[in-house]
Protein backbone atom coordinates (compact mmCIF):
# COMPACT_ATOMS: atom_id res chain seq x y z
CA MET A 1 -18.39 -4.16 7.98
CA ALA A 2 -18.27 -5.37 4.44
CA ASP A 3 -18.89 -3.48 1.40
CA ARG A 4 -22.43 -4.74 1.26
CA ILE A 5 -24.99 -4.84 4.36
CA ARG A 6 -25.27 -8.30 4.99
CA VAL A 7 -28.46 -9.67 5.89
CA GLY A 8 -29.93 -12.21 8.54
CA ILE A 9 -33.98 -13.05 8.09
CA VAL A 10 -36.27 -14.17 10.41
CA GLY A 11 -38.84 -15.26 9.44
CA ALA A 12 -38.45 -16.89 5.50
CA ASN A 13 -40.30 -20.07 5.12
CA LEU A 14 -40.45 -21.10 1.19
CA ASP A 15 -44.61 -22.01 2.03
CA TYR A 16 -46.06 -18.77 3.48
CA GLY A 17 -45.02 -15.34 5.27
CA TRP A 18 -44.26 -12.15 4.66
CA GLY A 19 -40.66 -12.41 4.66
CA THR A 20 -40.57 -14.53 1.33
CA ARG A 21 -43.26 -12.98 -0.32
CA ALA A 22 -42.07 -9.21 0.28
CA HIS A 23 -38.46 -8.70 2.26
CA LEU A 24 -36.53 -11.60 0.25
CA PRO A 25 -37.84 -9.98 -3.34
CA ALA A 26 -37.52 -6.47 -1.79
CA LEU A 27 -33.76 -7.05 -0.69
CA ALA A 28 -32.72 -8.44 -3.93
CA ALA A 29 -33.86 -5.15 -5.63
CA VAL A 30 -31.62 -3.06 -3.34
CA PRO A 31 -27.84 -3.70 -4.51
CA GLU A 32 -26.40 -1.98 -0.98
CA PHE A 33 -28.04 -5.81 0.62
CA GLU A 34 -26.41 -8.96 0.68
CA VAL A 35 -29.03 -11.63 2.23
CA ARG A 36 -26.13 -13.76 3.91
CA ALA A 37 -28.39 -16.12 6.23
CA VAL A 38 -32.00 -17.46 7.30
CA CYS A 39 -33.23 -18.21 10.20
CA THR A 40 -36.59 -20.55 11.06
CA THR A 41 -37.78 -22.62 13.73
CA ARG A 42 -36.81 -25.74 12.24
CA MET A 43 -33.06 -26.07 10.00
CA GLU A 44 -34.72 -27.83 7.58
CA THR A 45 -37.51 -25.21 6.35
CA ALA A 46 -34.41 -22.82 6.99
CA ARG A 47 -32.24 -24.63 4.69
CA ALA A 48 -34.58 -25.11 2.26
CA THR A 49 -35.41 -21.54 1.73
CA ALA A 50 -31.27 -20.74 2.03
CA ASP A 51 -31.28 -23.40 -1.37
CA ARG A 52 -34.08 -21.66 -3.23
CA PHE A 53 -32.64 -18.22 -2.70
CA GLY A 54 -29.04 -18.93 -2.80
CA VAL A 55 -28.43 -17.76 0.93
CA PRO A 56 -25.03 -19.18 1.87
CA LEU A 57 -26.02 -19.46 6.09
CA ALA A 58 -29.51 -21.37 7.50
CA PHE A 59 -30.23 -21.42 11.10
CA ASP A 60 -32.66 -22.63 13.13
CA ASN A 61 -31.59 -20.20 16.51
CA VAL A 62 -32.10 -16.80 16.15
CA GLU A 63 -29.20 -16.31 18.60
CA ALA A 64 -27.00 -18.17 16.64
CA MET A 65 -27.11 -15.66 13.32
CA ALA A 66 -27.61 -12.60 15.70
CA ASN A 67 -23.58 -13.37 16.96
CA HIS A 68 -22.66 -15.21 12.93
CA PRO A 69 -19.58 -12.39 12.23
CA GLU A 70 -21.26 -12.23 8.45
CA VAL A 71 -24.41 -11.21 9.97
CA ASP A 72 -24.75 -6.97 9.98
CA LEU A 73 -28.81 -6.40 9.96
CA ILE A 74 -31.46 -8.52 11.73
CA VAL A 75 -34.97 -8.72 9.85
CA VAL A 76 -37.85 -10.15 12.07
CA ALA A 77 -41.04 -10.69 9.39
CA VAL A 78 -42.56 -13.84 11.61
CA ARG A 79 -45.39 -13.39 14.12
CA VAL A 80 -46.03 -10.86 16.49
CA PRO A 81 -45.62 -12.63 19.53
CA SER A 82 -42.09 -13.80 18.56
CA HIS A 83 -41.09 -9.95 18.17
CA TYR A 84 -39.78 -9.10 21.28
CA ALA A 85 -37.68 -12.49 21.79
CA LEU A 86 -36.51 -12.13 18.44
CA VAL A 87 -35.75 -8.03 18.22
CA LYS A 88 -34.05 -8.21 21.99
CA ALA A 89 -32.14 -10.95 20.81
CA ALA A 90 -30.64 -8.91 17.50
CA LEU A 91 -30.04 -6.00 20.05
CA ASP A 92 -28.17 -7.87 22.76
CA ALA A 93 -25.74 -8.50 19.69
CA GLY A 94 -25.24 -5.55 18.47
CA LYS A 95 -26.53 -5.63 15.57
CA HIS A 96 -29.06 -3.12 13.89
CA VAL A 97 -32.64 -4.15 13.34
CA PHE A 98 -35.51 -4.07 10.92
CA CYS A 99 -38.71 -5.20 12.50
CA GLU A 100 -41.99 -5.79 10.98
CA TRP A 101 -44.27 -3.76 12.91
CA PRO A 102 -46.28 -3.95 15.34
CA LEU A 103 -42.69 -3.52 17.51
CA GLY A 104 -44.11 -5.76 19.92
CA ALA A 105 -47.32 -7.32 21.28
CA ASN A 106 -48.05 -4.77 23.65
CA LEU A 107 -46.51 -0.86 24.67
CA ARG A 108 -44.31 -2.45 27.56
CA GLU A 109 -42.65 -4.60 25.14
CA ALA A 110 -42.25 -1.97 22.27
CA ILE A 111 -41.01 0.66 24.63
CA GLU A 112 -38.14 -1.84 26.27
CA LEU A 113 -36.92 -2.39 22.58
CA ARG A 114 -36.88 0.85 21.97
CA ASP A 115 -34.86 1.78 24.58
CA LEU A 116 -32.46 -1.35 24.36
CA ALA A 117 -31.74 0.02 20.86
CA HIS A 118 -30.83 3.34 21.71
CA ALA A 119 -28.73 2.12 24.41
CA LYS A 120 -26.89 -0.36 22.17
CA GLY A 121 -26.22 2.71 19.62
CA VAL A 122 -27.49 0.80 16.78
CA ILE A 123 -29.93 1.70 13.63
CA HIS A 124 -33.50 0.77 13.93
CA GLN A 125 -36.61 0.92 11.45
CA VAL A 126 -39.88 -0.84 11.80
CA GLY A 127 -42.55 -1.54 9.12
CA LEU A 128 -44.79 1.11 8.73
CA GLN A 129 -44.69 0.95 4.64
CA GLY A 130 -47.55 3.38 4.17
CA ARG A 131 -44.78 5.90 4.43
CA SER A 132 -43.08 4.52 1.98
CA ASN A 133 -46.54 4.78 -0.43
CA PRO A 134 -45.65 7.18 -3.17
CA ALA A 135 -49.16 8.63 -3.11
CA ILE A 136 -49.31 9.31 0.47
CA ASN A 137 -46.27 11.09 0.28
CA GLN A 138 -47.55 13.56 -2.43
CA VAL A 139 -50.47 14.17 -0.42
CA ARG A 140 -49.02 14.71 2.61
CA ASP A 141 -46.75 17.16 0.08
CA LEU A 142 -49.66 18.86 -0.94
CA ILE A 143 -51.17 19.35 2.23
CA ALA A 144 -48.02 20.56 4.18
CA ALA A 145 -47.61 23.14 0.64
CA GLY A 146 -51.32 24.11 1.23
CA GLU A 147 -52.85 23.02 -1.93
CA ILE A 148 -56.08 22.71 -0.01
CA GLY A 149 -55.38 25.10 2.31
CA GLU A 150 -55.73 24.43 6.49
CA VAL A 151 -57.04 20.78 7.12
CA VAL A 152 -60.47 21.13 9.02
CA SER A 153 -61.54 17.33 9.06
CA ALA A 154 -61.10 14.30 7.63
CA THR A 155 -62.85 10.72 7.68
CA MET A 156 -60.91 7.68 7.75
CA VAL A 157 -62.35 4.12 6.92
CA VAL A 158 -60.45 0.90 6.94
CA SER A 159 -62.53 -1.67 5.94
CA GLY A 160 -61.63 -5.81 5.53
CA SER A 161 -63.26 -8.87 5.33
CA GLY A 162 -62.60 -12.01 7.19
CA ALA A 163 -64.78 -12.04 10.31
CA GLY A 164 -66.41 -14.99 10.98
CA ALA A 165 -64.52 -18.30 9.54
CA ARG A 166 -61.14 -18.23 9.82
CA ALA A 167 -58.21 -20.59 8.41
CA GLY A 168 -56.23 -22.39 11.31
CA THR A 169 -53.00 -21.19 10.43
CA LEU A 170 -54.84 -17.83 11.21
CA HIS A 171 -56.80 -18.51 14.51
CA TRP A 172 -54.29 -17.33 16.77
CA GLN A 173 -55.06 -13.82 15.95
CA ILE A 174 -58.28 -14.03 17.92
CA ASP A 175 -56.49 -13.56 21.11
CA LYS A 176 -55.98 -10.15 21.85
CA ASP A 177 -52.87 -10.64 24.07
CA MET A 178 -51.06 -12.02 20.77
CA GLY A 179 -50.93 -8.29 19.62
CA ALA A 180 -52.14 -8.85 15.97
CA THR A 181 -55.77 -7.53 15.54
CA VAL A 182 -57.71 -5.42 13.30
CA LEU A 183 -56.73 -2.08 15.34
CA THR A 184 -52.76 -2.91 15.30
CA ILE A 185 -52.40 -4.51 11.92
CA GLN A 186 -54.68 -2.82 9.79
CA GLY A 187 -55.43 -0.16 11.96
CA GLY A 188 -52.20 0.72 12.89
CA HIS A 189 -50.37 1.14 9.40
CA ALA A 190 -53.54 3.50 8.37
CA ILE A 191 -54.02 5.23 11.85
CA ASP A 192 -49.50 5.81 11.02
CA SER A 193 -50.51 6.74 7.45
CA LEU A 194 -52.62 9.40 8.24
CA ARG A 195 -50.87 11.37 11.13
CA TYR A 196 -47.81 10.57 8.77
CA ALA A 197 -49.49 12.93 6.19
CA LEU A 198 -52.05 15.15 8.48
CA GLY A 199 -50.05 15.50 12.30
CA GLU A 200 -49.80 13.94 15.29
CA ILE A 201 -53.05 12.84 17.12
CA ALA A 202 -53.53 15.17 20.23
CA ALA A 203 -56.71 13.60 22.01
CA LEU A 204 -59.36 10.93 20.94
CA SER A 205 -62.49 8.81 22.75
CA ALA A 206 -63.12 5.51 21.18
CA THR A 207 -65.21 2.18 20.98
CA VAL A 208 -63.62 -0.94 20.35
CA ARG A 209 -65.85 -4.14 20.38
CA THR A 210 -66.12 -7.47 19.53
CA LEU A 211 -69.30 -7.67 17.32
CA PHE A 212 -68.50 -11.22 16.28
CA PRO A 213 -68.34 -13.15 18.77
CA ASP A 214 -67.92 -16.69 17.24
CA VAL A 215 -65.07 -17.52 15.15
CA VAL A 216 -65.41 -21.00 12.75
CA VAL A 217 -61.69 -22.52 12.04
CA GLN A 218 -62.16 -23.77 8.49
CA GLY A 219 -61.67 -27.08 7.73
CA THR A 220 -62.87 -28.56 11.30
CA ASN A 221 -65.71 -26.68 12.72
CA GLU A 222 -64.33 -25.51 15.76
CA VAL A 223 -65.59 -22.96 17.03
CA LEU A 224 -63.60 -19.94 18.81
CA HIS A 225 -64.51 -17.14 20.75
CA PRO A 226 -62.41 -14.00 19.89
CA THR A 227 -61.16 -11.26 22.35
CA ALA A 228 -59.82 -9.83 19.96
CA PRO A 229 -61.84 -6.74 18.27
CA ASP A 230 -63.33 -6.44 15.25
CA ASN A 231 -64.62 -2.92 15.12
CA VAL A 232 -63.04 0.49 16.30
CA VAL A 233 -64.70 3.81 16.07
CA VAL A 234 -62.02 6.66 16.72
CA ASP A 235 -63.22 10.18 17.62
CA ALA A 236 -59.75 12.32 17.23
CA GLU A 237 -58.28 15.63 17.40
CA LEU A 238 -55.06 16.80 15.79
CA ALA A 239 -52.62 18.70 16.93
CA ASN A 240 -53.76 21.35 14.62
CA GLY A 241 -57.51 21.14 16.05
CA ALA A 242 -58.88 19.13 12.81
CA LEU A 243 -60.98 16.86 13.94
CA VAL A 244 -60.71 13.11 12.18
CA ALA A 245 -63.18 9.94 12.60
CA MET A 246 -61.72 6.72 11.84
CA HIS A 247 -63.72 3.34 11.84
CA ILE A 248 -61.71 0.53 11.12
CA GLU A 249 -63.57 -2.85 10.90
CA THR A 250 -63.26 -6.80 9.99
CA VAL A 251 -66.40 -7.49 8.25
CA PRO A 252 -68.41 -10.79 6.97
CA VAL A 253 -68.48 -10.02 3.55
CA LEU A 254 -67.15 -8.03 1.26
CA GLY A 255 -65.15 -4.86 3.14
CA SER A 256 -64.30 -2.36 0.61
CA GLY A 257 -60.67 -1.41 1.84
CA PHE A 258 -59.07 1.84 2.34
CA HIS A 259 -60.57 5.34 2.52
CA LEU A 260 -59.33 9.01 2.95
CA GLU A 261 -61.21 11.76 2.65
CA VAL A 262 -59.08 14.92 4.02
CA HIS A 263 -61.16 18.49 3.86
CA GLY A 264 -59.14 21.85 4.14
CA THR A 265 -60.21 25.32 3.82
CA GLU A 266 -59.22 25.57 -0.10
CA GLY A 267 -60.15 21.91 -1.05
CA THR A 268 -61.02 18.47 -0.24
CA VAL A 269 -58.54 15.55 -1.53
CA LEU A 270 -59.10 11.72 -1.71
CA LEU A 271 -57.20 8.13 -1.10
CA ARG A 272 -58.56 5.01 -1.81
CA GLY A 273 -57.65 1.66 -1.97
CA GLU A 274 -58.19 -2.06 -1.76
CA SER A 275 -56.34 -2.68 1.68
CA ALA A 276 -54.30 -0.02 3.92
CA PRO A 277 -51.67 2.08 2.53
CA ASN A 278 -48.83 0.08 3.51
CA THR A 279 -49.58 -2.79 0.76
CA ALA A 280 -52.25 -0.96 -1.39
CA GLU A 281 -51.60 1.40 -4.83
CA LEU A 282 -53.74 4.14 -3.64
CA THR A 283 -55.71 6.41 -5.96
CA VAL A 284 -56.21 9.96 -5.17
CA LEU A 285 -58.51 12.52 -6.18
CA LEU A 286 -58.22 16.44 -5.58
CA GLY A 287 -60.59 19.19 -5.73
CA LYS A 288 -60.47 22.96 -5.00
CA ARG A 289 -62.77 25.84 -4.06
CA GLY A 290 -64.49 26.49 -7.78
CA GLU A 291 -63.95 23.09 -8.91
CA ALA A 292 -67.22 20.92 -9.95
CA ALA A 293 -66.01 18.20 -8.94
CA LEU A 294 -63.27 15.83 -7.22
CA ASP A 295 -60.49 14.69 -10.31
CA PRO A 296 -57.87 12.09 -10.53
CA LEU A 297 -54.72 13.33 -9.41
CA ALA A 298 -51.51 11.62 -11.59
CA LEU A 299 -48.55 10.37 -9.43
CA SER A 300 -45.93 13.00 -10.02
CA GLU A 301 -42.72 11.71 -11.52
CA ALA A 302 -40.98 12.98 -8.07
CA TYR A 303 -42.91 10.38 -6.15
CA GLN A 304 -42.34 7.01 -9.17
CA ARG A 305 -40.75 4.27 -7.57
CA PRO A 306 -36.95 4.04 -8.66
CA PRO A 307 -37.19 1.70 -12.06
CA GLY A 308 -36.34 -2.02 -11.09
CA THR A 309 -38.59 -2.17 -7.70
CA PRO A 310 -40.66 -5.46 -7.68
CA SER A 311 -44.55 -4.83 -7.92
CA GLY A 312 -46.54 -6.01 -5.47
CA ALA A 313 -46.09 -6.62 -1.37
CA PRO A 314 -42.19 -6.02 -1.76
CA ALA A 315 -43.06 -2.31 -3.60
CA ASN A 316 -43.36 -0.50 -0.83
CA VAL A 317 -40.66 -2.62 1.60
CA SER A 318 -38.13 -2.33 -1.42
CA GLN A 319 -38.28 1.83 -0.54
CA VAL A 320 -38.06 1.22 2.99
CA TYR A 321 -34.24 -1.04 2.49
CA ARG A 322 -33.42 2.03 0.63
CA GLU A 323 -33.69 4.29 2.87
CA LEU A 324 -32.22 1.58 6.22
CA ALA A 325 -29.54 1.31 3.30
CA ALA A 326 -28.56 5.09 3.81
CA ALA A 327 -28.55 5.18 7.17
CA ILE A 328 -26.80 2.51 7.70
CA GLY A 329 -24.14 3.56 5.39
CA SER A 330 -24.10 6.85 6.68
CA GLY A 331 -23.05 5.52 10.10
CA GLY A 332 -26.89 7.25 11.27
CA THR A 333 -26.58 10.64 9.95
CA ALA A 334 -29.39 9.58 7.19
CA PRO A 335 -32.39 9.38 9.20
CA VAL A 336 -35.18 6.71 8.80
CA THR A 337 -38.69 7.63 8.39
CA ALA A 338 -40.23 4.82 10.66
CA ASP A 339 -37.61 3.61 13.60
CA PHE A 340 -38.54 2.42 17.37
CA ASP A 341 -39.29 5.66 18.47
CA THR A 342 -42.23 6.10 15.84
CA ALA A 343 -43.13 2.66 16.68
CA VAL A 344 -43.39 3.40 20.79
CA GLU A 345 -45.63 6.16 19.69
CA LEU A 346 -48.01 5.08 18.04
CA HIS A 347 -48.25 1.92 20.23
CA ARG A 348 -49.07 4.75 22.80
CA ILE A 349 -52.60 5.94 20.33
CA ILE A 350 -52.90 1.98 19.84
CA ASP A 351 -53.17 2.25 23.53
CA ALA A 352 -54.87 5.37 24.24
CA ILE A 353 -57.73 3.98 21.99
CA GLU A 354 -57.91 1.17 24.31
CA ARG A 355 -57.80 3.19 27.28
CA ALA A 356 -60.60 5.36 25.63
CA SER A 357 -63.34 2.59 25.17
CA ASP A 358 -62.60 1.13 28.64
CA SER A 359 -62.74 3.89 30.45
CA GLY A 360 -65.44 6.14 28.64
CA GLN A 361 -62.82 8.84 29.05
CA ARG A 362 -61.41 10.93 26.50
CA GLN A 363 -57.21 10.80 26.16
CA ARG A 364 -54.73 13.41 26.04
CA LEU A 365 -51.63 12.41 24.38
């Protein structure tokens, strides 16, 4: 492999997409990487992105990019339905892979990709960037240190706007089988951050519903009927016995963002943000026994992002890349926080939520 890790990124259209907004700026901030190739569905858009960002190689075929000798790592940052085929092509070529969450459109796809990654012996990472959020890490460590005593309960709300009318470019998300719903995307990121900070979920009951049966496509006024849920309520128990209530929702007007309050035997900690922890800058409040109220907790220096970290969408993504660079550079001895095994575990939780709702039976994990 070359001195720098040579990246081929799938999904870097100049006009839209998480690849261009988050991944390219994040990669530019981590000197261990060099973007050598971009791939989109059309050569003209791939060349436009390559020219704009000074990338030498452009492709409209992922197999060709994955098998190119100047590419060490494939990054998949496109719509969820395409993840399986693109990641499989990268793994078949024996390349390291960073795939955005969700890993697949369902648990079966995720398991197959996880098993193939292990068989190929490559480094694999999934984009659960809440684990790179500085506030999540600070709260995780203060809980582990016993700052609020033993955790006994928690409440999490993830509330976003968007139910009802939808832009034409996003109407595909109303189809549950496409794998990109409020449960899998906003809910998946938030649930993963919760289990990273508090511990694994041992059992759950759930109600998964579509409360808004009509979606109007903006610009055409076409009315579609979603199969994807817009409201999810989960009653969970953690491995340590703590009880957790979750409400994940898409509402028509003014969603309130992300809210996680954790109650321990000696105190309470509260995290708030405008969206799920993978993208939001979070405010932390802390209160301990004997104190009158929750007070803001400043982010200590140990959790500050390194100088030169871009702000906004690329911020947490750049931290994931720093970790990935260490893992690849060490030949796999340096761990990644969220690999394909982590993704499969989260897919299992989401699958259990859906089964609990469909069956009315509490699920054990």
